[in-house]
Amino acid sequence: MTPPEPAPSPRRQELLEAAYAHALRSGLVDLSLRPLAEEIRSSPRVLLYLFGSRDGLIRALLARARADELAHIQQIADSQKESDSLRTVARELWQWLCDDTHRGLLKLWVESYARSLTDPDGPWAAFARDTVDDWLALLAAAQPAAFRETEAALAQRTLVLAVLRGALLDLLATGATARTTASVHLHLAQLG
């Protein structure tokens, strides 16, 4: 059973933001409390008090990263017009994914997604599934209401999601923005 989270405090939020900035630069795989505490001007004891454990800190960092991701998804959703198509929304998503300012968040997302698959009982539990659901919900909102609940609609948005995420992995590995963008646009042009 997971211990209850302590009540939010300004110091906890301050340290969470500092640890999040560190995670965006360095990832979470090798996160060690002592070097992190030193970097963010705290102590391992304070981090343990505020987050309960290293896993508690990781869960808080994943929640913080997911909040950033969801905020960006919500911006795209809020900017949609009723006439926007799945193709239009997917192009906007891809444009956001290509933006260099999001590299740290996206690398952290990839790392967390993979860890969620290989360590399903750890602090990463359900991260991958939750992010799939988040993105599929955004794509569903771009489909016509009468079509949205069909198996064909789900298959269509699942394919779009697979193309976007596959291209994202390629982009993060190679930095080939023009090539990956051309491939995404080629796929999206084929949407009905």
C-alpha atoms as a PDB file:
ATOM      1  CA  MET A   1       0.000   0.000   0.000  1.00  0.00           C
ATOM      2  CA  THR A   2       1.297   3.433  -0.968  1.00  0.00           C
ATOM      3  CA  PRO A   3       1.703   5.855   1.941  1.00  0.00           C
ATOM      4  CA  PRO A   4      -0.531   8.937   1.743  1.00  0.00           C
ATOM      5  CA  GLU A   5       1.017  12.012   0.202  1.00  0.00           C
ATOM      6  CA  PRO A   6       1.850  14.807   2.621  1.00  0.00           C
ATOM      7  CA  ALA A   7      -0.181  17.987   2.337  1.00  0.00           C
ATOM      8  CA  PRO A   8       1.187  20.314  -0.342  1.00  0.00           C
ATOM      9  CA  SER A   9       3.518  22.968   0.974  1.00  0.00           C
ATOM     10  CA  PRO A  10       5.300  25.876  -0.711  1.00  0.00           C
ATOM     11  CA  ARG A  11       8.669  24.211   0.020  1.00  0.00           C
ATOM     12  CA  ARG A  12       7.485  20.923  -1.493  1.00  0.00           C
ATOM     13  CA  GLN A  13       6.319  22.759  -4.615  1.00  0.00           C
ATOM     14  CA  GLU A  14       9.574  24.706  -4.832  1.00  0.00           C
ATOM     15  CA  LEU A  15      11.657  21.532  -4.577  1.00  0.00           C
ATOM     16  CA  LEU A  16       9.373  19.695  -7.004  1.00  0.00           C
ATOM     17  CA  GLU A  17       9.893  22.428  -9.600  1.00  0.00           C
ATOM     18  CA  ALA A  18      13.669  22.358  -9.082  1.00  0.00           C
ATOM     19  CA  ALA A  19      13.707  18.549  -9.312  1.00  0.00           C
ATOM     20  CA  TYR A  20      11.507  18.736 -12.423  1.00  0.00           C
ATOM     21  CA  ALA A  21      13.965  21.122 -14.105  1.00  0.00           C
ATOM     22  CA  HIS A  22      16.709  18.606 -13.245  1.00  0.00           C
ATOM     23  CA  ALA A  23      14.633  15.705 -14.657  1.00  0.00           C
ATOM     24  CA  LEU A  24      14.041  17.600 -17.900  1.00  0.00           C
ATOM     25  CA  ARG A  25      17.805  17.913 -18.309  1.00  0.00           C
ATOM     26  CA  SER A  26      18.934  14.552 -16.948  1.00  0.00           C
ATOM     27  CA  GLY A  27      16.002  12.137 -16.947  1.00  0.00           C
ATOM     28  CA  LEU A  28      14.909   9.882 -14.123  1.00  0.00           C
ATOM     29  CA  VAL A  29      16.677   6.571 -14.722  1.00  0.00           C
ATOM     30  CA  ASP A  30      19.698   7.314 -12.587  1.00  0.00           C
ATOM     31  CA  LEU A  31      17.944   9.650 -10.157  1.00  0.00           C
ATOM     32  CA  SER A  32      19.762   9.555  -6.848  1.00  0.00           C
ATOM     33  CA  LEU A  33      18.520  11.602  -3.920  1.00  0.00           C
ATOM     34  CA  ARG A  34      21.894  12.772  -2.628  1.00  0.00           C
ATOM     35  CA  PRO A  35      23.186  14.403  -5.867  1.00  0.00           C
ATOM     36  CA  LEU A  36      19.721  15.732  -6.682  1.00  0.00           C
ATOM     37  CA  ALA A  37      19.351  17.250  -3.210  1.00  0.00           C
ATOM     38  CA  GLU A  38      22.757  18.886  -3.531  1.00  0.00           C
ATOM     39  CA  GLU A  39      21.897  20.341  -6.925  1.00  0.00           C
ATOM     40  CA  ILE A  40      18.545  21.755  -5.796  1.00  0.00           C
ATOM     41  CA  ARG A  41      19.922  23.017  -2.464  1.00  0.00           C
ATOM     42  CA  SER A  42      18.130  20.620  -0.203  1.00  0.00           C
ATOM     43  CA  SER A  43      18.945  17.395   1.584  1.00  0.00           C
ATOM     44  CA  PRO A  44      17.937  13.765   1.051  1.00  0.00           C
ATOM     45  CA  ARG A  45      16.208  13.873   4.443  1.00  0.00           C
ATOM     46  CA  VAL A  46      14.001  16.820   3.378  1.00  0.00           C
ATOM     47  CA  LEU A  47      13.159  15.138   0.073  1.00  0.00           C
ATOM     48  CA  LEU A  48      12.197  11.950   1.892  1.00  0.00           C
ATOM     49  CA  TYR A  49      10.084  13.914   4.350  1.00  0.00           C
ATOM     50  CA  LEU A  50       8.267  15.831   1.601  1.00  0.00           C
ATOM     51  CA  PHE A  51       7.856  12.989  -0.922  1.00  0.00           C
ATOM     52  CA  GLY A  52       7.880   9.898   1.292  1.00  0.00           C
ATOM     53  CA  SER A  53      10.483   7.993  -0.740  1.00  0.00           C
ATOM     54  CA  ARG A  54      12.482   8.109  -3.957  1.00  0.00           C
ATOM     55  CA  ASP A  55       9.507   6.431  -5.674  1.00  0.00           C
ATOM     56  CA  GLY A  56       7.208   9.083  -4.210  1.00  0.00           C
ATOM     57  CA  LEU A  57       9.419  11.788  -5.705  1.00  0.00           C
ATOM     58  CA  ILE A  58       9.414  10.010  -9.067  1.00  0.00           C
ATOM     59  CA  ARG A  59       5.607   9.739  -8.975  1.00  0.00           C
ATOM     60  CA  ALA A  60       5.400  13.472  -8.209  1.00  0.00           C
ATOM     61  CA  LEU A  61       7.778  14.252 -11.088  1.00  0.00           C
ATOM     62  CA  LEU A  62       5.772  12.073 -13.476  1.00  0.00           C
ATOM     63  CA  ALA A  63       2.567  13.814 -12.392  1.00  0.00           C
ATOM     64  CA  ARG A  64       4.277  17.163 -12.993  1.00  0.00           C
ATOM     65  CA  ALA A  65       5.439  16.091 -16.466  1.00  0.00           C
ATOM     66  CA  ARG A  66       1.987  14.745 -17.296  1.00  0.00           C
ATOM     67  CA  ALA A  67       0.453  18.047 -16.167  1.00  0.00           C
ATOM     68  CA  ASP A  68       2.709  19.857 -18.663  1.00  0.00           C
ATOM     69  CA  GLU A  69       1.767  17.423 -21.416  1.00  0.00           C
ATOM     70  CA  LEU A  70      -1.951  17.719 -20.627  1.00  0.00           C
ATOM     71  CA  ALA A  71      -1.716  21.523 -20.590  1.00  0.00           C
ATOM     72  CA  HIS A  72      -0.284  21.450 -24.118  1.00  0.00           C
ATOM     73  CA  ILE A  73      -2.917  18.955 -25.246  1.00  0.00           C
ATOM     74  CA  GLN A  74      -5.627  21.171 -23.755  1.00  0.00           C
ATOM     75  CA  GLN A  75      -4.264  24.203 -25.650  1.00  0.00           C
ATOM     76  CA  ILE A  76      -4.587  22.261 -28.889  1.00  0.00           C
ATOM     77  CA  ALA A  77      -8.059  21.037 -27.935  1.00  0.00           C
ATOM     78  CA  ASP A  78      -9.160  24.561 -26.984  1.00  0.00           C
ATOM     79  CA  SER A  79      -7.970  25.947 -30.299  1.00  0.00           C
ATOM     80  CA  GLN A  80      -9.987  23.414 -32.301  1.00  0.00           C
ATOM     81  CA  LYS A  81     -12.925  24.504 -34.353  1.00  0.00           C
ATOM     82  CA  GLU A  82     -15.864  22.218 -34.948  1.00  0.00           C
ATOM     83  CA  SER A  83     -14.823  21.987 -38.604  1.00  0.00           C
ATOM     84  CA  ASP A  84     -11.277  20.847 -37.752  1.00  0.00           C
ATOM     85  CA  SER A  85     -10.484  17.347 -38.905  1.00  0.00           C
ATOM     86  CA  LEU A  86      -8.364  14.624 -37.372  1.00  0.00           C
ATOM     87  CA  ARG A  87      -5.729  15.581 -39.948  1.00  0.00           C
ATOM     88  CA  THR A  88      -5.691  19.209 -38.747  1.00  0.00           C
ATOM     89  CA  VAL A  89      -5.391  18.281 -35.085  1.00  0.00           C
ATOM     90  CA  ALA A  90      -2.704  15.680 -35.813  1.00  0.00           C
ATOM     91  CA  ARG A  91      -0.709  18.301 -37.752  1.00  0.00           C
ATOM     92  CA  GLU A  92      -0.953  20.663 -34.768  1.00  0.00           C
ATOM     93  CA  LEU A  93       0.188  17.875 -32.452  1.00  0.00           C
ATOM     94  CA  TRP A  94       3.119  17.106 -34.698  1.00  0.00           C
ATOM     95  CA  GLN A  95       4.073  20.772 -34.845  1.00  0.00           C
ATOM     96  CA  TRP A  96       4.120  20.827 -31.038  1.00  0.00           C
ATOM     97  CA  LEU A  97       6.148  17.593 -30.912  1.00  0.00           C
ATOM     98  CA  CYS A  98       8.728  19.060 -33.328  1.00  0.00           C
ATOM     99  CA  ASP A  99       9.260  22.206 -31.296  1.00  0.00           C
ATOM    100  CA  ASP A 100      12.799  22.139 -29.869  1.00  0.00           C
ATOM    101  CA  THR A 101      11.622  23.780 -26.644  1.00  0.00           C
ATOM    102  CA  HIS A 102       9.777  20.562 -25.747  1.00  0.00           C
ATOM    103  CA  ARG A 103      12.756  18.202 -26.154  1.00  0.00           C
ATOM    104  CA  GLY A 104      13.375  17.753 -22.438  1.00  0.00           C
ATOM    105  CA  LEU A 105       9.732  16.972 -21.726  1.00  0.00           C
ATOM    106  CA  LEU A 106       9.513  14.568 -24.671  1.00  0.00           C
ATOM    107  CA  LYS A 107      12.697  12.722 -23.730  1.00  0.00           C
ATOM    108  CA  LEU A 108      11.388  12.428 -20.185  1.00  0.00           C
ATOM    109  CA  TRP A 109       8.093  11.175 -21.616  1.00  0.00           C
ATOM    110  CA  VAL A 110       9.861   8.485 -23.703  1.00  0.00           C
ATOM    111  CA  GLU A 111      11.937   7.376 -20.728  1.00  0.00           C
ATOM    112  CA  SER A 112       8.886   7.224 -18.457  1.00  0.00           C
ATOM    113  CA  TYR A 113       6.793   5.462 -21.083  1.00  0.00           C
ATOM    114  CA  ALA A 114       9.428   2.750 -21.492  1.00  0.00           C
ATOM    115  CA  ARG A 115       9.900   2.360 -17.735  1.00  0.00           C
ATOM    116  CA  SER A 116       6.135   2.031 -17.333  1.00  0.00           C
ATOM    117  CA  LEU A 117       6.294  -0.984 -19.636  1.00  0.00           C
ATOM    118  CA  THR A 118       9.299  -2.622 -17.989  1.00  0.00           C
ATOM    119  CA  ASP A 119       8.502  -1.744 -14.372  1.00  0.00           C
ATOM    120  CA  PRO A 120       4.696  -1.835 -14.179  1.00  0.00           C
ATOM    121  CA  ASP A 121       4.679  -2.090 -10.387  1.00  0.00           C
ATOM    122  CA  GLY A 122       7.085   0.775  -9.781  1.00  0.00           C
ATOM    123  CA  PRO A 123       6.460   4.504  -9.669  1.00  0.00           C
ATOM    124  CA  TRP A 124       5.978   4.519 -13.437  1.00  0.00           C
ATOM    125  CA  ALA A 125       2.917   2.221 -13.206  1.00  0.00           C
ATOM    126  CA  ALA A 126       0.146   3.145 -15.654  1.00  0.00           C
ATOM    127  CA  PHE A 127       2.099   6.097 -17.104  1.00  0.00           C
ATOM    128  CA  ALA A 128       2.132   4.632 -20.628  1.00  0.00           C
ATOM    129  CA  ARG A 129      -1.534   3.619 -20.583  1.00  0.00           C
ATOM    130  CA  ASP A 130      -2.614   6.988 -19.189  1.00  0.00           C
ATOM    131  CA  THR A 131      -0.759   8.946 -21.874  1.00  0.00           C
ATOM    132  CA  VAL A 132      -2.213   6.758 -24.628  1.00  0.00           C
ATOM    133  CA  ASP A 133      -5.674   7.508 -23.261  1.00  0.00           C
ATOM    134  CA  ASP A 134      -4.904  11.254 -23.083  1.00  0.00           C
ATOM    135  CA  TRP A 135      -3.796  11.482 -26.693  1.00  0.00           C
ATOM    136  CA  LEU A 136      -6.554   9.218 -28.027  1.00  0.00           C
ATOM    137  CA  ALA A 137      -9.134  11.431 -26.291  1.00  0.00           C
ATOM    138  CA  LEU A 138      -7.746  14.521 -28.030  1.00  0.00           C
ATOM    139  CA  LEU A 139      -7.790  12.767 -31.401  1.00  0.00           C
ATOM    140  CA  ALA A 140     -11.325  11.456 -30.791  1.00  0.00           C
ATOM    141  CA  ALA A 141     -12.565  14.993 -30.213  1.00  0.00           C
ATOM    142  CA  ALA A 142     -11.405  15.828 -33.748  1.00  0.00           C
ATOM    143  CA  GLN A 143     -13.549  13.116 -35.312  1.00  0.00           C
ATOM    144  CA  PRO A 144     -17.185  13.627 -36.278  1.00  0.00           C
ATOM    145  CA  ALA A 145     -19.467  12.812 -33.329  1.00  0.00           C
ATOM    146  CA  ALA A 146     -21.496  10.289 -35.319  1.00  0.00           C
ATOM    147  CA  PHE A 147     -18.311   8.409 -36.302  1.00  0.00           C
ATOM    148  CA  ARG A 148     -16.303   8.799 -33.057  1.00  0.00           C
ATOM    149  CA  GLU A 149     -17.626   5.733 -31.209  1.00  0.00           C
ATOM    150  CA  THR A 150     -17.126   3.253 -34.059  1.00  0.00           C
ATOM    151  CA  GLU A 151     -14.338   0.678 -34.229  1.00  0.00           C
ATOM    152  CA  ALA A 152     -13.177   2.277 -37.479  1.00  0.00           C
ATOM    153  CA  ALA A 153     -12.788   5.650 -35.743  1.00  0.00           C
ATOM    154  CA  LEU A 154     -10.796   4.087 -32.901  1.00  0.00           C
ATOM    155  CA  ALA A 155      -8.582   2.277 -35.406  1.00  0.00           C
ATOM    156  CA  GLN A 156      -8.038   5.507 -37.342  1.00  0.00           C
ATOM    157  CA  ARG A 157      -6.971   7.541 -34.323  1.00  0.00           C
ATOM    158  CA  THR A 158      -4.841   4.651 -33.027  1.00  0.00           C
ATOM    159  CA  LEU A 159      -2.990   4.603 -36.345  1.00  0.00           C
ATOM    160  CA  VAL A 160      -2.497   8.375 -36.240  1.00  0.00           C
ATOM    161  CA  LEU A 161      -1.174   8.094 -32.692  1.00  0.00           C
ATOM    162  CA  ALA A 162       1.191   5.283 -33.721  1.00  0.00           C
ATOM    163  CA  VAL A 163       2.532   7.345 -36.627  1.00  0.00           C
ATOM    164  CA  LEU A 164       3.020  10.433 -34.449  1.00  0.00           C
ATOM    165  CA  ARG A 165       4.785   8.518 -31.698  1.00  0.00           C
ATOM    166  CA  GLY A 166       6.925   6.502 -34.101  1.00  0.00           C
ATOM    167  CA  ALA A 167       7.978   9.665 -35.903  1.00  0.00           C
ATOM    168  CA  LEU A 168       8.666  11.290 -32.536  1.00  0.00           C
ATOM    169  CA  LEU A 169      11.038   8.473 -31.563  1.00  0.00           C
ATOM    170  CA  ASP A 170      12.797   8.869 -34.925  1.00  0.00           C
ATOM    171  CA  LEU A 171      12.993  12.649 -34.488  1.00  0.00           C
ATOM    172  CA  LEU A 172      14.418  12.381 -30.971  1.00  0.00           C
ATOM    173  CA  ALA A 173      16.990   9.820 -32.144  1.00  0.00           C
ATOM    174  CA  THR A 174      18.078  11.605 -35.307  1.00  0.00           C
ATOM    175  CA  GLY A 175      17.005  15.244 -35.131  1.00  0.00           C
ATOM    176  CA  ALA A 176      15.730  14.864 -38.712  1.00  0.00           C
ATOM    177  CA  THR A 177      12.814  17.294 -38.451  1.00  0.00           C
ATOM    178  CA  ALA A 178      12.287  17.781 -42.186  1.00  0.00           C
ATOM    179  CA  ARG A 179      12.301  14.062 -42.974  1.00  0.00           C
ATOM    180  CA  THR A 180      10.031  13.036 -40.112  1.00  0.00           C
ATOM    181  CA  THR A 181       7.649  15.926 -40.793  1.00  0.00           C
ATOM    182  CA  ALA A 182       7.411  14.928 -44.445  1.00  0.00           C
ATOM    183  CA  SER A 183       6.572  11.363 -43.460  1.00  0.00           C
ATOM    184  CA  VAL A 184       3.916  12.470 -40.948  1.00  0.00           C
ATOM    185  CA  HIS A 185       2.349  14.812 -43.498  1.00  0.00           C
ATOM    186  CA  LEU A 186       2.379  12.060 -46.132  1.00  0.00           C
ATOM    187  CA  HIS A 187       0.482   9.756 -43.778  1.00  0.00           C
ATOM    188  CA  LEU A 188      -1.979  12.469 -42.715  1.00  0.00           C
ATOM    189  CA  ALA A 189      -2.714  13.361 -46.350  1.00  0.00           C
ATOM    190  CA  GLN A 190      -4.138   9.865 -46.748  1.00  0.00           C
ATOM    191  CA  LEU A 191      -6.743  10.365 -44.010  1.00  0.00           C
ATOM    192  CA  GLY A 192     -10.299  10.526 -45.257  1.00  0.00           C
END
